[in-house]
C-alpha atoms as a PDB file:
ATOM      1  CA  LEU A   1      46.131 -11.401 -90.070  1.00  0.00           C
ATOM      2  CA  LYS A   2      44.719 -14.867 -89.413  1.00  0.00           C
ATOM      3  CA  LYS A   3      46.883 -17.927 -90.107  1.00  0.00           C
ATOM      4  CA  GLU A   4      45.519 -21.401 -90.890  1.00  0.00           C
ATOM      5  CA  ARG A   5      46.800 -24.620 -92.407  1.00  0.00           C
ATOM      6  CA  TRP A   6      45.626 -25.406 -95.964  1.00  0.00           C
ATOM      7  CA  ILE A   7      46.074 -28.282 -98.347  1.00  0.00           C
ATOM      8  CA  ALA A   8      48.465 -26.992-101.004  1.00  0.00           C
ATOM      9  CA  VAL A   9      47.104 -27.172-104.534  1.00  0.00           C
ATOM     10  CA  GLU A  10      49.347 -27.464-107.578  1.00  0.00           C
ATOM     11  CA  GLY A  11      50.816 -24.059-108.365  1.00  0.00           C
ATOM     12  CA  LEU A  12      51.076 -22.741-104.788  1.00  0.00           C
ATOM     13  CA  HIS A  13      54.504 -21.843-103.485  1.00  0.00           C
ATOM     14  CA  THR A  14      56.017 -21.237-100.052  1.00  0.00           C
ATOM     15  CA  GLY A  15      55.149 -17.832 -98.623  1.00  0.00           C
ATOM     16  CA  GLN A  16      52.279 -17.146-101.035  1.00  0.00           C
ATOM     17  CA  PHE A  17      49.269 -15.361 -99.553  1.00  0.00           C
ATOM     18  CA  VAL A  18      45.893 -17.106 -99.907  1.00  0.00           C
ATOM     19  CA  TYR A  19      42.785 -14.921 -99.827  1.00  0.00           C
ATOM     20  CA  CYS A  20      39.238 -16.052 -98.994  1.00  0.00           C
ATOM     21  CA  GLY A  21      35.831 -14.514 -99.655  1.00  0.00           C
ATOM     22  CA  THR A  22      33.706 -12.987-102.377  1.00  0.00           C
ATOM     23  CA  LYS A  23      36.205 -10.196-103.086  1.00  0.00           C
ATOM     24  CA  ALA A  24      39.208 -12.516-103.589  1.00  0.00           C
ATOM     25  CA  GLN A  25      40.740 -12.627-107.058  1.00  0.00           C
ATOM     26  CA  LEU A  26      40.442 -15.761-109.173  1.00  0.00           C
ATOM     27  CA  THR A  27      44.006 -17.084-108.813  1.00  0.00           C
ATOM     28  CA  VAL A  28      45.563 -20.404-107.805  1.00  0.00           C
ATOM     29  CA  GLY A  29      44.946 -21.179-104.129  1.00  0.00           C
ATOM     30  CA  ASN A  30      42.332 -18.518-103.353  1.00  0.00           C
ATOM     31  CA  VAL A  31      38.948 -19.537-101.909  1.00  0.00           C
ATOM     32  CA  LEU A  32      35.797 -18.138-103.542  1.00  0.00           C
ATOM     33  CA  PRO A  33      32.084 -18.974-103.535  1.00  0.00           C
ATOM     34  CA  ILE A  34      31.353 -21.240-106.480  1.00  0.00           C
ATOM     35  CA  GLY A  35      28.635 -18.874-107.696  1.00  0.00           C
ATOM     36  CA  LYS A  36      31.218 -16.131-108.278  1.00  0.00           C
ATOM     37  CA  MET A  37      33.454 -18.291-110.490  1.00  0.00           C
ATOM     38  CA  PRO A  38      33.110 -18.077-114.281  1.00  0.00           C
ATOM     39  CA  GLU A  39      32.224 -21.116-116.364  1.00  0.00           C
ATOM     40  CA  GLY A  40      35.205 -23.300-117.248  1.00  0.00           C
ATOM     41  CA  THR A  41      37.014 -22.715-113.944  1.00  0.00           C
ATOM     42  CA  THR A  42      38.801 -25.781-112.565  1.00  0.00           C
ATOM     43  CA  ILE A  43      38.139 -26.324-108.861  1.00  0.00           C
ATOM     44  CA  SER A  44      39.893 -28.458-106.287  1.00  0.00           C
ATOM     45  CA  MET A  45      38.118 -29.227-103.013  1.00  0.00           C
ATOM     46  CA  CYS A  46      34.466 -28.341-103.527  1.00  0.00           C
ATOM     47  CA  GLU A  47      31.982 -28.395-100.620  1.00  0.00           C
ATOM     48  CA  GLU A  48      28.577 -30.016-101.041  1.00  0.00           C
ATOM     49  CA  LYS A  49      27.178 -28.194 -98.013  1.00  0.00           C
ATOM     50  CA  ALA A  50      28.660 -25.252 -96.133  1.00  0.00           C
ATOM     51  CA  ALA A  51      31.522 -26.205 -93.799  1.00  0.00           C
ATOM     52  CA  ASP A  52      31.657 -29.924 -94.737  1.00  0.00           C
ATOM     53  CA  ARG A  53      35.410 -29.525 -95.396  1.00  0.00           C
ATOM     54  CA  GLY A  54      35.317 -30.274 -99.119  1.00  0.00           C
ATOM     55  CA  ARG A  55      33.526 -33.534 -99.725  1.00  0.00           C
ATOM     56  CA  LEU A  56      33.657 -33.266-103.511  1.00  0.00           C
ATOM     57  CA  ALA A  57      36.967 -33.531-105.370  1.00  0.00           C
ATOM     58  CA  ARG A  58      39.214 -33.503-102.331  1.00  0.00           C
ATOM     59  CA  ALA A  59      41.684 -36.289-103.117  1.00  0.00           C
ATOM     60  CA  SER A  60      44.985 -35.781-104.914  1.00  0.00           C
ATOM     61  CA  GLY A  61      44.510 -35.391-108.645  1.00  0.00           C
ATOM     62  CA  CYS A  62      40.731 -34.871-108.407  1.00  0.00           C
ATOM     63  CA  ASN A  63      39.055 -31.726-109.631  1.00  0.00           C
ATOM     64  CA  CYS A  64      35.727 -30.280-110.745  1.00  0.00           C
ATOM     65  CA  MET A  65      34.843 -27.803-113.464  1.00  0.00           C
ATOM     66  CA  VAL A  66      32.116 -25.176-113.380  1.00  0.00           C
ATOM     67  CA  VAL A  67      29.762 -25.979-116.265  1.00  0.00           C
ATOM     68  CA  GLY A  68      27.093 -23.316-115.774  1.00  0.00           C
ATOM     69  CA  HIS A  69      24.983 -21.224-113.441  1.00  0.00           C
ATOM     70  CA  SER A  70      21.192 -21.073-113.189  1.00  0.00           C
ATOM     71  CA  ASP A  71      19.414 -17.932-114.373  1.00  0.00           C
ATOM     72  CA  ASP A  72      18.487 -16.868-110.847  1.00  0.00           C
ATOM     73  CA  GLY A  73      22.075 -17.444-109.625  1.00  0.00           C
ATOM     74  CA  ARG A  74      21.131 -19.833-106.821  1.00  0.00           C
ATOM     75  CA  LYS A  75      22.506 -23.085-108.277  1.00  0.00           C
ATOM     76  CA  THR A  76      25.698 -23.985-110.104  1.00  0.00           C
ATOM     77  CA  ARG A  77      26.308 -27.111-112.186  1.00  0.00           C
ATOM     78  CA  ILE A  78      29.725 -28.761-111.933  1.00  0.00           C
ATOM     79  CA  ARG A  79      31.375 -31.644-113.797  1.00  0.00           C
ATOM     80  CA  MET A  80      33.353 -34.078-111.668  1.00  0.00           C
END
């Protein structure tokens, strides 16, 4: 079990487990690739490039929404 510090999003509570990766469920606090999220999902802390620590929608009260995915699955459009 690996422990790290995370910025708490609205809806997280003390002692809640946060899962990361492609197999994580779509629940509050979990970290998933944006390509695996369905359209209409609200996102907090979105990375522009891998490992840039969430450049997009990182501040308090900011969020993004997944608008759509390309047909080949390589690009995702978000609304900020």
